[in-house]
Amino acid sequence: MWTATDASGNKANATQVVDVVDTTAPKLTVPAGITFAATSLNNNTVPLGTPTAVDIEQITVTNDAPKQFPIGLTTVTWTAKDASGNTSNGTQTVLVQNITPPKLTIPANVTFEATSLKDNQVPIGNATASDIQPVTITNNASKTFPLGKTSILWVATDASGNKANATQVVDVVDTTAPKVTAPHDIIVNATSSAGTPVNIGNLTASDNVQVATISNNAPTLFQFGNTTIVWTAKDEAGNTANATQIVQVVDRSPPQLIIPSDVTTDATAFETPLVIGNANGTGIIDTSPKITNNSTGLFNIGKTTVQWTATDKFGNEKTLDQTVTILACGKPSSDYNLVMGTNSPDTLTGSTVPNLIIGLEGNDIIHEGPAGDCVIAGNGNNIIYAGNGTNTIYAGNGDNIIKGGNGNMQVFAGTGSNMIQGGSGQNTCNLGSPSKDLVTNCLVKLR
């Protein structure tokens, strides 16, 4: 605001505008160009440095650099911008180079047994190399090697031309021992405890000179167990090579087993105790195999298969079956009508057909039928009335009262005080304790 005032005090005003502007771009200094040793093909983290920028206003500095740099040259553009929008640019170069040679690992040195003076084909193995770029591996090895030492130069070259070298030594030597292969190990079954003849086969041998002799220390007969045979091949130069063969004589033959003959007898109880005999066995090596059977010593009426087993100490087994047949008063149980009691006191009555009456335990009252029955009363104080047919009664142990009928009666009394009265038929009484029994009208026999 401008004001003019004269001597009389008169005033005049006028306004002037002063516009201060910033049209000058910031002064930007970018970091120097960078050369960086690559650690990756594409993912190299490169520290760019810090630019400087000067201006009268606040400055914002940015760049277009990637987070990760690939191998090669990358130009980074830096931009400085002040609050008035004035900008200045600068560029920085980032050169990522692979200057590290590959890491080369070559095969170990090779010592090779000669098969020829000059033309030995030697497996030298393979080299490996690691690098951030693809690598080509070459060597100067010939196809065949002469006798003596040969140096092989391995070279690994990456895509940037970096190279790594290493030397492998191939030493072709000639000790010229025969090559031998023993016959296969043999497992044979023993044929005698005195020893077993075995066809052990033949050794195969080859040599660069000539095989002179082949020998072994095998016995005529092989004993039970393992025998190691040492084979020896000797060439004309006196070099020898050995090989071993194992002959194992085992016992895999089942023992011989002789079991008792089959047994057929009458039942004297619901479970009849019976001695079934003894078995004998022998083996080639184990002459006393273990002999067992599955018998409980008690047999029910009918057929029971007793399995005898001879087992030697090598686990070989021989199994044979013995048949034990328990009849009901000389007949199969299928010939009778079965009347079965319990272990409590029962009253059992036979039907009009032949009956097999089994009382089990308890004090039973048994009435036979008219057609001829087989009675196995069991232990207890039983009262038994015989029928009119041909009857057989096994009374069991206890104080039994047995009264005969009009048929023929055969009684087998157990231990106890029995009262037996024969009927009108022919009666036979087989007594277990004669001094305790009272018997009338019955032919007495001792059991």
Protein backbone atom coordinates (compact mmCIF):
# COMPACT_ATOMS: atom_id res chain seq x y z
CA MET A 1 0.00 0.00 0.00
CA TRP A 2 1.45 3.37 -1.08
CA THR A 3 0.08 6.72 0.53
CA ALA A 4 0.73 10.35 -0.60
CA THR A 5 -0.06 13.28 1.85
CA ASP A 6 0.22 16.99 0.92
CA ALA A 7 0.79 19.97 3.24
CA SER A 8 -2.88 20.44 3.72
CA GLY A 9 -3.19 16.88 4.86
CA ASN A 10 -4.79 15.53 1.71
CA LYS A 11 -3.95 11.82 1.04
CA ALA A 12 -3.95 9.51 -1.94
CA ASN A 13 -3.48 5.70 -1.81
CA ALA A 14 -2.30 3.09 -4.34
CA THR A 15 -1.53 -0.68 -4.06
CA GLN A 16 1.53 -2.50 -5.46
CA VAL A 17 1.69 -6.40 -5.64
CA VAL A 18 5.04 -8.12 -5.18
CA ASP A 19 4.96 -11.84 -6.35
CA VAL A 20 7.96 -13.90 -5.12
CA VAL A 21 8.13 -17.22 -7.07
CA ASP A 22 10.53 -20.26 -7.15
CA THR A 23 11.30 -21.33 -10.71
CA THR A 24 14.70 -22.81 -9.97
CA ALA A 25 15.01 -26.62 -9.99
CA PRO A 26 16.80 -28.30 -7.10
CA LYS A 27 20.49 -28.97 -7.50
CA LEU A 28 20.76 -32.82 -7.56
CA THR A 29 23.94 -34.83 -7.14
CA VAL A 30 23.42 -38.60 -7.68
CA PRO A 31 25.71 -41.37 -6.28
CA ALA A 32 28.56 -42.50 -8.46
CA GLY A 33 28.13 -45.49 -10.76
CA ILE A 34 28.56 -48.91 -9.05
CA THR A 35 30.23 -52.13 -10.17
CA PHE A 36 28.90 -55.05 -8.06
CA ALA A 37 30.09 -58.69 -7.82
CA ALA A 38 27.08 -60.87 -8.61
CA THR A 39 25.79 -63.42 -6.14
CA SER A 40 22.76 -64.42 -8.21
CA LEU A 41 21.53 -64.36 -11.79
CA ASN A 42 18.64 -61.99 -11.15
CA ASN A 43 18.31 -61.32 -7.45
CA ASN A 44 21.28 -59.17 -6.50
CA THR A 45 20.72 -56.61 -3.76
CA VAL A 46 22.94 -53.62 -4.58
CA PRO A 47 23.55 -50.68 -2.17
CA LEU A 48 23.08 -47.58 -4.42
CA GLY A 49 24.34 -44.92 -2.02
CA THR A 50 22.64 -41.65 -1.06
CA PRO A 51 22.09 -38.67 -3.43
CA THR A 52 22.31 -34.97 -2.34
CA ALA A 53 19.88 -32.22 -3.38
CA VAL A 54 19.89 -28.47 -2.57
CA ASP A 55 16.91 -26.07 -2.92
CA ILE A 56 15.27 -23.20 -1.04
CA GLU A 57 12.21 -25.40 -0.49
CA GLN A 58 11.61 -28.90 0.85
CA ILE A 59 12.82 -31.54 -1.60
CA THR A 60 11.59 -35.07 -2.34
CA VAL A 61 14.13 -37.44 -3.95
CA THR A 62 13.02 -40.69 -5.70
CA ASN A 63 14.50 -43.24 -8.12
CA ASP A 64 13.27 -46.01 -10.40
CA ALA A 65 15.72 -48.64 -9.19
CA PRO A 66 14.43 -52.26 -8.96
CA LYS A 67 14.58 -54.09 -5.65
CA GLN A 68 16.82 -56.77 -7.16
CA PHE A 69 19.31 -56.32 -10.01
CA PRO A 70 20.08 -58.87 -12.75
CA ILE A 71 23.55 -59.50 -14.12
CA GLY A 72 24.45 -56.71 -16.60
CA LEU A 73 24.16 -52.92 -16.78
CA THR A 74 21.13 -51.15 -15.28
CA THR A 75 20.58 -47.36 -15.42
CA VAL A 76 18.89 -45.86 -12.35
CA THR A 77 17.17 -42.45 -12.81
CA TRP A 78 17.07 -40.21 -9.72
CA THR A 79 14.49 -37.37 -9.50
CA ALA A 80 14.55 -34.40 -7.06
CA LYS A 81 11.34 -32.34 -6.79
CA ASP A 82 10.81 -29.22 -4.66
CA ALA A 83 7.55 -27.92 -3.19
CA SER A 84 6.99 -25.65 -6.23
CA GLY A 85 7.12 -28.65 -8.56
CA ASN A 86 10.52 -27.87 -10.00
CA THR A 87 12.40 -31.12 -10.79
CA SER A 88 15.86 -32.17 -11.73
CA ASN A 89 17.08 -35.63 -12.84
CA GLY A 90 20.29 -37.54 -12.72
CA THR A 91 21.32 -41.07 -13.70
CA GLN A 92 23.46 -43.64 -11.98
CA THR A 93 24.75 -46.86 -13.62
CA VAL A 94 24.78 -50.18 -11.79
CA LEU A 95 26.96 -52.86 -13.40
CA VAL A 96 26.44 -56.34 -11.91
CA GLN A 97 29.25 -58.65 -13.01
CA ASN A 98 30.01 -62.33 -12.45
CA ILE A 99 33.70 -62.27 -11.63
CA THR A 100 33.78 -65.45 -9.50
CA PRO A 101 35.08 -68.62 -11.18
CA PRO A 102 32.97 -71.76 -10.84
CA LYS A 103 33.51 -74.06 -7.87
CA LEU A 104 34.90 -77.20 -9.50
CA THR A 105 34.93 -80.63 -7.84
CA ILE A 106 36.71 -83.34 -9.81
CA PRO A 107 36.71 -87.12 -9.25
CA ALA A 108 39.28 -88.61 -6.93
CA ASN A 109 42.54 -89.91 -8.31
CA VAL A 110 42.15 -93.38 -9.82
CA THR A 111 44.38 -96.41 -9.44
CA PHE A 112 43.41 -98.98 -12.08
CA GLU A 113 44.49 -102.57 -12.50
CA ALA A 114 45.92 -102.96 -15.97
CA THR A 115 44.33 -105.27 -18.49
CA SER A 116 46.55 -104.07 -21.34
CA LEU A 117 49.85 -102.28 -21.91
CA LYS A 118 48.35 -99.23 -23.66
CA ASP A 119 44.63 -99.63 -24.12
CA ASN A 120 43.15 -99.63 -20.64
CA GLN A 121 39.62 -98.27 -20.48
CA VAL A 122 39.48 -96.54 -17.11
CA PRO A 123 36.26 -95.16 -15.55
CA ILE A 124 37.50 -91.73 -14.42
CA GLY A 125 34.16 -90.56 -12.98
CA ASN A 126 32.48 -87.21 -13.47
CA ALA A 127 33.28 -83.71 -12.28
CA THR A 128 30.71 -81.32 -10.83
CA ALA A 129 30.69 -77.51 -10.74
CA SER A 130 28.51 -74.88 -9.11
CA ASP A 131 28.08 -71.27 -10.24
CA ILE A 132 25.35 -68.66 -10.54
CA GLN A 133 25.48 -69.10 -14.32
CA PRO A 134 25.46 -72.22 -16.51
CA VAL A 135 28.81 -74.03 -16.51
CA THR A 136 30.51 -76.12 -19.18
CA ILE A 137 32.91 -78.82 -17.94
CA THR A 138 35.59 -80.30 -20.22
CA ASN A 139 38.68 -82.47 -19.79
CA ASN A 140 41.58 -83.60 -21.94
CA ALA A 141 41.30 -87.30 -21.11
CA SER A 142 41.99 -89.84 -23.85
CA LYS A 143 39.67 -92.78 -24.51
CA THR A 144 42.23 -95.29 -23.24
CA PHE A 145 45.18 -95.03 -20.86
CA PRO A 146 48.68 -96.50 -20.99
CA LEU A 147 50.45 -98.18 -18.10
CA GLY A 148 51.68 -95.56 -15.64
CA LYS A 149 50.42 -92.17 -14.48
CA THR A 150 48.41 -89.79 -16.66
CA SER A 151 47.27 -86.30 -15.60
CA ILE A 152 43.81 -85.19 -16.67
CA LEU A 153 43.07 -81.47 -16.74
CA TRP A 154 39.46 -80.59 -15.93
CA VAL A 155 38.20 -77.09 -16.87
CA ALA A 156 34.92 -75.49 -15.77
CA THR A 157 33.84 -72.32 -17.68
CA ASP A 158 30.78 -70.24 -16.81
CA ALA A 159 28.76 -68.02 -19.16
CA SER A 160 30.84 -64.97 -18.20
CA GLY A 161 34.06 -66.69 -19.18
CA ASN A 162 35.32 -67.31 -15.66
CA LYS A 163 37.33 -70.53 -15.48
CA ALA A 164 38.41 -73.01 -12.81
CA ASN A 165 40.96 -75.80 -13.34
CA ALA A 166 41.85 -78.97 -11.44
CA THR A 167 43.99 -82.02 -12.16
CA GLN A 168 43.11 -85.69 -11.65
CA VAL A 169 45.74 -88.43 -11.78
CA VAL A 170 44.99 -91.82 -13.32
CA ASP A 171 47.53 -94.45 -12.26
CA VAL A 172 47.33 -97.70 -14.26
CA VAL A 173 49.19 -100.43 -12.36
CA ASP A 174 49.82 -104.11 -13.00
CA THR A 175 49.86 -106.47 -10.05
CA THR A 176 48.44 -109.22 -12.27
CA ALA A 177 46.85 -111.46 -9.71
CA PRO A 178 44.39 -113.99 -11.12
CA LYS A 179 40.70 -113.18 -11.02
CA VAL A 180 38.83 -115.91 -9.22
CA THR A 181 35.18 -116.72 -8.57
CA ALA A 182 34.39 -119.42 -6.04
CA PRO A 183 31.40 -121.70 -6.51
CA HIS A 184 28.22 -120.55 -4.81
CA ASP A 185 27.78 -121.24 -1.12
CA ILE A 186 25.93 -124.49 -0.61
CA ILE A 187 23.30 -125.57 1.90
CA VAL A 188 22.72 -129.32 2.00
CA ASN A 189 20.62 -131.57 4.16
CA ALA A 190 22.56 -133.97 6.36
CA THR A 191 22.43 -137.62 5.32
CA SER A 192 24.40 -139.06 8.22
CA SER A 193 25.71 -137.98 11.58
CA ALA A 194 29.14 -139.22 10.46
CA GLY A 195 29.37 -136.71 7.60
CA THR A 196 27.72 -135.80 4.31
CA PRO A 197 29.30 -135.98 0.82
CA VAL A 198 28.84 -132.70 -1.11
CA ASN A 199 29.47 -131.77 -4.74
CA ILE A 200 31.08 -128.37 -4.19
CA GLY A 201 31.48 -127.37 -7.86
CA ASN A 202 34.53 -125.73 -9.49
CA LEU A 203 36.42 -122.46 -9.17
CA THR A 204 36.62 -120.18 -12.21
CA ALA A 205 39.86 -118.20 -12.66
CA SER A 206 41.39 -115.92 -15.32
CA ASP A 207 44.66 -114.02 -15.57
CA ASN A 208 46.55 -111.74 -17.98
CA VAL A 209 49.37 -114.31 -18.03
CA GLN A 210 48.14 -117.85 -17.36
CA VAL A 211 46.60 -119.72 -14.44
CA ALA A 212 48.95 -122.52 -13.38
CA THR A 213 47.12 -124.33 -10.56
CA ILE A 214 43.78 -124.34 -8.75
CA SER A 215 43.44 -126.04 -5.35
CA ASN A 216 41.20 -126.15 -2.27
CA ASN A 217 41.19 -127.56 1.25
CA ALA A 218 37.77 -129.28 1.13
CA PRO A 219 37.28 -132.45 3.22
CA THR A 220 35.87 -135.68 1.79
CA LEU A 221 32.84 -135.61 4.10
CA PHE A 222 31.32 -132.47 5.57
CA GLN A 223 30.30 -132.39 9.22
CA PHE A 224 27.10 -130.80 10.53
CA GLY A 225 27.36 -126.99 10.59
CA ASN A 226 29.46 -124.59 8.49
CA THR A 227 32.69 -125.51 6.72
CA THR A 228 34.71 -122.78 4.97
CA ILE A 229 36.55 -123.95 1.86
CA VAL A 230 39.53 -121.85 0.75
CA TRP A 231 40.18 -121.95 -3.00
CA THR A 232 43.59 -120.81 -4.33
CA ALA A 233 44.47 -119.88 -7.92
CA LYS A 234 48.15 -119.39 -8.80
CA ASP A 235 49.46 -117.95 -12.07
CA GLU A 236 52.76 -118.53 -13.87
CA ALA A 237 54.28 -115.43 -12.26
CA GLY A 238 53.55 -116.72 -8.78
CA ASN A 239 50.74 -114.27 -8.01
CA THR A 240 47.95 -115.92 -6.06
CA ALA A 241 44.31 -115.15 -5.38
CA ASN A 242 42.02 -116.79 -2.86
CA ALA A 243 38.27 -117.17 -2.64
CA THR A 244 36.12 -118.80 0.00
CA GLN A 245 33.06 -120.96 -0.29
CA ILE A 246 30.83 -121.95 2.62
CA VAL A 247 29.22 -125.36 2.79
CA GLN A 248 26.49 -125.50 5.39
CA VAL A 249 25.20 -128.89 6.43
CA VAL A 250 21.78 -128.57 8.05
CA ASP A 251 19.20 -130.94 9.39
CA ARG A 252 15.87 -130.27 7.75
CA SER A 253 14.61 -133.82 7.79
CA PRO A 254 11.66 -134.54 10.07
CA PRO A 255 12.39 -137.09 12.77
CA GLN A 256 11.27 -140.67 12.39
CA LEU A 257 8.24 -141.28 14.61
CA ILE A 258 6.65 -144.54 15.71
CA ILE A 259 3.35 -144.13 17.58
CA PRO A 260 1.15 -146.62 19.44
CA SER A 261 -1.49 -148.56 17.54
CA ASP A 262 -5.07 -147.35 17.40
CA VAL A 263 -7.11 -148.22 20.49
CA THR A 264 -10.69 -149.41 20.74
CA THR A 265 -12.25 -149.96 24.17
CA ASP A 266 -15.51 -149.58 26.09
CA ALA A 267 -16.42 -146.46 28.00
CA THR A 268 -16.35 -146.81 31.77
CA ALA A 269 -17.42 -143.23 32.45
CA PHE A 270 -18.61 -140.18 30.58
CA GLU A 271 -14.89 -139.39 30.21
CA THR A 272 -13.03 -142.68 30.21
CA PRO A 273 -9.44 -142.57 31.53
CA LEU A 274 -7.14 -144.46 29.18
CA VAL A 275 -3.43 -145.10 28.80
CA ILE A 276 -2.83 -144.88 25.05
CA GLY A 277 0.79 -146.05 24.97
CA ASN A 278 4.15 -144.43 24.20
CA ALA A 279 5.80 -143.20 21.01
CA ASN A 280 9.44 -143.39 19.93
CA GLY A 281 11.42 -141.06 17.66
CA THR A 282 14.90 -140.39 16.32
CA GLY A 283 16.55 -137.90 13.97
CA ILE A 284 19.69 -137.75 11.83
CA ILE A 285 21.51 -135.26 14.09
CA ASP A 286 19.19 -134.95 17.08
CA THR A 287 18.71 -138.57 18.07
CA SER A 288 16.34 -137.75 20.93
CA PRO A 289 13.64 -135.43 19.61
CA LYS A 290 10.93 -134.19 21.94
CA ILE A 291 7.74 -136.23 21.64
CA THR A 292 4.39 -134.77 22.65
CA ASN A 293 0.71 -135.47 22.09
CA ASN A 294 -2.52 -133.59 22.64
CA SER A 295 -4.19 -136.26 24.75
CA THR A 296 -5.73 -135.31 28.10
CA GLY A 297 -5.91 -138.96 29.18
CA LEU A 298 -9.74 -138.76 29.26
CA PHE A 299 -11.83 -139.80 26.27
CA ASN A 300 -15.49 -139.32 25.43
CA ILE A 301 -17.56 -141.92 23.67
CA GLY A 302 -16.80 -141.92 19.95
CA LYS A 303 -13.61 -141.44 17.97
CA THR A 304 -10.83 -139.13 19.15
CA THR A 305 -7.76 -138.34 17.09
CA VAL A 306 -4.63 -138.11 19.20
CA GLN A 307 -1.94 -136.14 17.40
CA TRP A 308 1.62 -137.21 18.19
CA THR A 309 4.45 -134.82 17.30
CA ALA A 310 8.20 -135.41 17.32
CA THR A 311 10.17 -132.11 17.28
CA ASP A 312 13.95 -132.01 17.08
CA LYS A 313 16.12 -129.15 18.32
CA PHE A 314 16.21 -127.67 14.81
CA GLY A 315 12.44 -127.28 14.67
CA ASN A 316 11.82 -130.18 12.29
CA GLU A 317 8.55 -131.93 13.05
CA LYS A 318 6.89 -135.21 12.25
CA THR A 319 3.22 -135.64 13.11
CA LEU A 320 1.19 -138.85 13.11
CA ASP A 321 -2.37 -139.53 14.25
CA GLN A 322 -3.58 -142.27 16.55
CA THR A 323 -7.29 -143.03 16.68
CA VAL A 324 -8.90 -143.84 20.01
CA THR A 325 -12.39 -145.30 19.69
CA ILE A 326 -14.54 -145.45 22.81
CA LEU A 327 -17.58 -147.71 22.42
CA ALA A 328 -20.73 -147.81 24.48
CA CYS A 329 -20.86 -151.36 25.77
CA GLY A 330 -19.21 -152.68 22.63
CA LYS A 331 -21.27 -150.61 20.19
CA PRO A 332 -21.11 -147.15 18.66
CA SER A 333 -23.17 -144.54 20.47
CA SER A 334 -25.22 -144.12 17.29
CA ASP A 335 -26.79 -147.54 17.97
CA TYR A 336 -28.58 -146.14 21.01
CA ASN A 337 -31.12 -143.60 22.05
CA LEU A 338 -29.17 -141.17 24.26
CA VAL A 339 -30.53 -140.36 27.72
CA MET A 340 -28.23 -137.78 29.35
CA GLY A 341 -28.28 -136.77 32.98
CA THR A 342 -26.65 -133.84 34.79
CA ASN A 343 -24.19 -133.43 37.64
CA SER A 344 -27.18 -133.12 40.01
CA PRO A 345 -29.45 -135.92 41.25
CA ASP A 346 -31.54 -137.16 38.29
CA THR A 347 -34.24 -139.72 37.55
CA LEU A 348 -33.46 -141.22 34.15
CA THR A 349 -35.75 -143.65 32.30
CA GLY A 350 -34.93 -145.52 29.11
CA SER A 351 -37.28 -145.81 26.17
CA THR A 352 -38.47 -148.95 24.37
CA VAL A 353 -35.42 -148.98 22.06
CA PRO A 354 -31.84 -149.67 23.18
CA ASN A 355 -30.68 -146.70 25.30
CA LEU A 356 -27.36 -145.22 26.22
CA ILE A 357 -28.03 -143.76 29.68
CA ILE A 358 -25.33 -141.47 31.05
CA GLY A 359 -25.89 -140.31 34.61
CA LEU A 360 -22.85 -138.07 35.13
CA GLU A 361 -22.35 -137.06 38.77
CA GLY A 362 -25.00 -136.95 41.51
CA ASN A 363 -27.18 -139.54 43.18
CA ASP A 364 -29.30 -140.78 40.29
CA ILE A 365 -32.27 -143.14 39.93
CA ILE A 366 -32.02 -145.01 36.65
CA HIS A 367 -34.73 -147.20 35.07
CA GLU A 368 -33.57 -149.18 32.06
CA GLY A 369 -35.84 -149.87 29.11
CA PRO A 370 -36.88 -153.34 27.87
CA ALA A 371 -34.64 -153.59 24.76
CA GLY A 372 -31.18 -153.88 26.32
CA ASP A 373 -29.40 -150.73 27.50
CA CYS A 374 -25.90 -149.47 28.18
CA VAL A 375 -25.75 -147.57 31.47
CA ILE A 376 -22.81 -145.39 32.49
CA ALA A 377 -24.03 -144.17 35.84
CA GLY A 378 -21.13 -141.97 36.92
CA ASN A 379 -19.93 -141.42 40.46
CA GLY A 380 -22.53 -141.13 43.18
CA ASN A 381 -24.93 -143.19 45.25
CA ASN A 382 -27.07 -144.47 42.42
CA ILE A 383 -30.14 -146.72 42.30
CA ILE A 384 -30.27 -148.68 39.07
CA TYR A 385 -33.11 -150.93 37.86
CA ALA A 386 -32.00 -153.21 35.03
CA GLY A 387 -34.37 -153.96 32.15
CA ASN A 388 -35.36 -157.12 30.39
CA GLY A 389 -32.86 -157.12 27.57
CA THR A 390 -29.12 -157.72 27.63
CA ASN A 391 -27.81 -154.90 29.77
CA THR A 392 -24.38 -153.56 30.70
CA ILE A 393 -24.03 -151.28 33.72
CA TYR A 394 -20.99 -149.23 34.70
CA ALA A 395 -21.89 -148.11 38.21
CA GLY A 396 -19.03 -145.71 39.02
CA ASN A 397 -17.64 -145.00 42.48
CA GLY A 398 -20.21 -144.75 45.25
CA ASP A 399 -22.69 -146.78 47.27
CA ASN A 400 -24.87 -148.15 44.49
CA ILE A 401 -28.01 -150.26 44.63
CA ILE A 402 -28.43 -152.35 41.50
CA LYS A 403 -31.40 -154.64 40.87
CA GLY A 404 -31.44 -156.99 37.89
CA GLY A 405 -34.41 -157.61 35.61
CA ASN A 406 -35.42 -160.52 33.42
CA GLY A 407 -32.57 -160.03 30.96
CA ASN A 408 -28.89 -160.81 31.12
CA MET A 409 -27.03 -158.25 33.19
CA GLN A 410 -23.31 -157.42 33.28
CA VAL A 411 -22.25 -155.04 36.09
CA PHE A 412 -18.97 -153.18 36.53
CA ALA A 413 -19.03 -151.78 40.06
CA GLY A 414 -16.69 -149.06 41.26
CA THR A 415 -15.21 -148.59 44.71
CA GLY A 416 -17.81 -148.24 47.42
CA SER A 417 -20.34 -150.37 49.28
CA ASN A 418 -22.61 -151.77 46.56
CA MET A 419 -25.75 -153.86 46.94
CA ILE A 420 -26.27 -155.91 43.80
CA GLN A 421 -29.18 -158.31 43.26
CA GLY A 422 -29.16 -160.27 40.05
CA GLY A 423 -32.37 -160.84 38.11
CA SER A 424 -33.69 -163.93 36.43
CA GLY A 425 -31.19 -163.85 33.59
CA GLN A 426 -27.50 -164.60 33.51
CA ASN A 427 -25.73 -162.02 35.63
CA THR A 428 -22.03 -161.20 35.97
CA CYS A 429 -20.72 -158.75 38.54
CA ASN A 430 -17.24 -157.26 38.25
CA LEU A 431 -16.41 -155.80 41.66
CA GLY A 432 -14.02 -152.99 42.56
CA SER A 433 -14.18 -153.50 46.36
CA PRO A 434 -15.40 -157.06 46.97
CA SER A 435 -15.12 -156.83 50.75
CA LYS A 436 -17.59 -153.92 50.79
CA ASP A 437 -20.11 -155.27 48.30
CA LEU A 438 -23.20 -157.35 48.98
CA VAL A 439 -23.98 -159.49 45.94
CA THR A 440 -26.71 -162.04 45.33
CA ASN A 441 -27.58 -164.08 42.26
CA CYS A 442 -24.57 -162.81 40.33
CA LEU A 443 -21.36 -164.46 39.15
CA VAL A 444 -18.69 -162.46 40.94
CA LYS A 445 -15.47 -161.41 39.22
CA LEU A 446 -12.74 -159.12 40.41
CA ARG A 447 -11.90 -156.10 38.31
